[in-house]
Amino acid sequence: MNRRSLVIAALVAANLVSAVAVVQAKHKSRELAHELQVERVERDKLSTEWAQLQLEESAWANPDRVAQVARRELGMVQPQNYVVLEERKP
């Protein structure tokens, strides 16, 4: 009878440990799923911001805009009778 009680107690303890482990695993899984969702939202925000920055960069780098700013703000003018000299190769 003593041995039987010991086996039952061991099985009950193992069952309780298993139940606690399942609860902890489920809790950790939910935490990680939440963290993943937060990171996905952050990724989407950063992706949107990157797309906006690329559009802004293309607008700033537009050759017509660069030429206009060069003339207006820097007082640059296109040279007259501009000739490109060929580079000599040795």
C-alpha atoms as a PDB file:
ATOM      1  CA  MET A   1       0.000   0.000   0.000  1.00  0.00           C
ATOM      2  CA  ASN A   2       2.830   2.363   0.777  1.00  0.00           C
ATOM      3  CA  ARG A   3       4.476   1.781  -2.599  1.00  0.00           C
ATOM      4  CA  ARG A   4       1.138   2.312  -4.384  1.00  0.00           C
ATOM      5  CA  SER A   5       0.588   5.619  -2.577  1.00  0.00           C
ATOM      6  CA  LEU A   6       4.099   6.706  -3.504  1.00  0.00           C
ATOM      7  CA  VAL A   7       3.487   5.930  -7.206  1.00  0.00           C
ATOM      8  CA  ILE A   8       0.173   7.799  -7.160  1.00  0.00           C
ATOM      9  CA  ALA A   9       1.790  10.791  -5.449  1.00  0.00           C
ATOM     10  CA  ALA A  10       4.586  10.782  -8.021  1.00  0.00           C
ATOM     11  CA  LEU A  11       2.059  10.644 -10.873  1.00  0.00           C
ATOM     12  CA  VAL A  12       0.030  13.491  -9.358  1.00  0.00           C
ATOM     13  CA  ALA A  13       3.204  15.570  -8.946  1.00  0.00           C
ATOM     14  CA  ALA A  14       4.254  14.813 -12.515  1.00  0.00           C
ATOM     15  CA  ASN A  15       0.774  15.774 -13.723  1.00  0.00           C
ATOM     16  CA  LEU A  16       0.934  19.097 -11.814  1.00  0.00           C
ATOM     17  CA  VAL A  17       4.418  19.869 -13.146  1.00  0.00           C
ATOM     18  CA  SER A  18       3.218  19.062 -16.654  1.00  0.00           C
ATOM     19  CA  ALA A  19       0.161  21.310 -16.239  1.00  0.00           C
ATOM     20  CA  VAL A  20       2.319  24.209 -15.008  1.00  0.00           C
ATOM     21  CA  ALA A  21       4.710  23.708 -17.923  1.00  0.00           C
ATOM     22  CA  VAL A  22       1.805  23.794 -20.398  1.00  0.00           C
ATOM     23  CA  VAL A  23       0.493  27.022 -18.866  1.00  0.00           C
ATOM     24  CA  GLN A  24       3.949  28.621 -18.982  1.00  0.00           C
ATOM     25  CA  ALA A  25       4.481  27.542 -22.589  1.00  0.00           C
ATOM     26  CA  LYS A  26       1.096  28.925 -23.627  1.00  0.00           C
ATOM     27  CA  HIS A  27       1.798  32.195 -21.820  1.00  0.00           C
ATOM     28  CA  LYS A  28       5.205  32.537 -23.490  1.00  0.00           C
ATOM     29  CA  SER A  29       3.650  31.708 -26.854  1.00  0.00           C
ATOM     30  CA  ARG A  30       1.063  34.464 -26.428  1.00  0.00           C
ATOM     31  CA  GLU A  31       3.729  36.949 -25.343  1.00  0.00           C
ATOM     32  CA  LEU A  32       5.804  36.150 -28.416  1.00  0.00           C
ATOM     33  CA  ALA A  33       2.771  36.382 -30.705  1.00  0.00           C
ATOM     34  CA  HIS A  34       1.983  39.814 -29.269  1.00  0.00           C
ATOM     35  CA  GLU A  35       5.607  40.918 -29.674  1.00  0.00           C
ATOM     36  CA  LEU A  36       5.566  39.672 -33.261  1.00  0.00           C
ATOM     37  CA  GLN A  37       2.436  41.693 -33.980  1.00  0.00           C
ATOM     38  CA  VAL A  38       4.013  44.832 -32.467  1.00  0.00           C
ATOM     39  CA  GLU A  39       7.111  44.329 -34.610  1.00  0.00           C
ATOM     40  CA  ARG A  40       4.997  43.828 -37.732  1.00  0.00           C
ATOM     41  CA  VAL A  41       3.182  47.106 -37.075  1.00  0.00           C
ATOM     42  CA  GLU A  42       6.542  48.830 -36.610  1.00  0.00           C
ATOM     43  CA  ARG A  43       7.818  47.247 -39.846  1.00  0.00           C
ATOM     44  CA  ASP A  44       4.773  48.522 -41.724  1.00  0.00           C
ATOM     45  CA  LYS A  45       5.264  52.047 -40.332  1.00  0.00           C
ATOM     46  CA  LEU A  46       8.937  52.016 -41.292  1.00  0.00           C
ATOM     47  CA  SER A  47       8.111  50.656 -44.738  1.00  0.00           C
ATOM     48  CA  THR A  48       5.642  53.488 -45.294  1.00  0.00           C
ATOM     49  CA  GLU A  49       8.150  56.051 -44.067  1.00  0.00           C
ATOM     50  CA  TRP A  50      10.838  54.593 -46.366  1.00  0.00           C
ATOM     51  CA  ALA A  51       8.520  54.840 -49.368  1.00  0.00           C
ATOM     52  CA  GLN A  52       7.751  58.468 -48.490  1.00  0.00           C
ATOM     53  CA  LEU A  53      11.454  59.254 -48.136  1.00  0.00           C
ATOM     54  CA  GLN A  54      12.179  57.687 -51.519  1.00  0.00           C
ATOM     55  CA  LEU A  55       9.479  59.838 -53.122  1.00  0.00           C
ATOM     56  CA  GLU A  56      10.861  62.909 -51.408  1.00  0.00           C
ATOM     57  CA  GLU A  57      14.381  62.068 -52.539  1.00  0.00           C
ATOM     58  CA  SER A  58      13.269  61.651 -56.137  1.00  0.00           C
ATOM     59  CA  ALA A  59      11.486  65.007 -55.974  1.00  0.00           C
ATOM     60  CA  TRP A  60      14.570  66.751 -54.569  1.00  0.00           C
ATOM     61  CA  ALA A  61      16.854  65.090 -57.115  1.00  0.00           C
ATOM     62  CA  ASN A  62      14.720  66.024 -60.123  1.00  0.00           C
ATOM     63  CA  PRO A  63      17.149  67.584 -62.646  1.00  0.00           C
ATOM     64  CA  ASP A  64      14.752  70.445 -63.453  1.00  0.00           C
ATOM     65  CA  ARG A  65      14.447  71.310 -59.777  1.00  0.00           C
ATOM     66  CA  VAL A  66      18.219  71.124 -59.264  1.00  0.00           C
ATOM     67  CA  ALA A  67      18.777  73.443 -62.223  1.00  0.00           C
ATOM     68  CA  GLN A  68      16.141  75.877 -60.931  1.00  0.00           C
ATOM     69  CA  VAL A  69      17.682  75.975 -57.453  1.00  0.00           C
ATOM     70  CA  ALA A  70      21.160  76.382 -58.956  1.00  0.00           C
ATOM     71  CA  ARG A  71      19.994  79.396 -60.940  1.00  0.00           C
ATOM     72  CA  ARG A  72      17.809  80.981 -58.266  1.00  0.00           C
ATOM     73  CA  GLU A  73      19.735  80.376 -55.044  1.00  0.00           C
ATOM     74  CA  LEU A  74      23.318  79.984 -56.244  1.00  0.00           C
ATOM     75  CA  GLY A  75      23.214  82.388 -59.182  1.00  0.00           C
ATOM     76  CA  MET A  76      24.610  79.763 -61.528  1.00  0.00           C
ATOM     77  CA  VAL A  77      24.164  80.109 -65.281  1.00  0.00           C
ATOM     78  CA  GLN A  78      24.689  77.757 -68.193  1.00  0.00           C
ATOM     79  CA  PRO A  79      27.934  78.644 -69.978  1.00  0.00           C
ATOM     80  CA  GLN A  80      27.744  79.850 -73.578  1.00  0.00           C
ATOM     81  CA  ASN A  81      29.690  78.025 -76.313  1.00  0.00           C
ATOM     82  CA  TYR A  82      30.409  75.093 -74.019  1.00  0.00           C
ATOM     83  CA  VAL A  83      32.797  72.585 -75.631  1.00  0.00           C
ATOM     84  CA  VAL A  84      33.608  69.193 -74.150  1.00  0.00           C
ATOM     85  CA  LEU A  85      37.266  68.313 -74.490  1.00  0.00           C
ATOM     86  CA  GLU A  86      38.048  64.689 -75.124  1.00  0.00           C
ATOM     87  CA  GLU A  87      40.269  63.044 -72.571  1.00  0.00           C
ATOM     88  CA  ARG A  88      43.565  61.837 -73.964  1.00  0.00           C
ATOM     89  CA  LYS A  89      44.469  58.241 -73.378  1.00  0.00           C
ATOM     90  CA  PRO A  90      48.182  57.433 -72.908  1.00  0.00           C
END
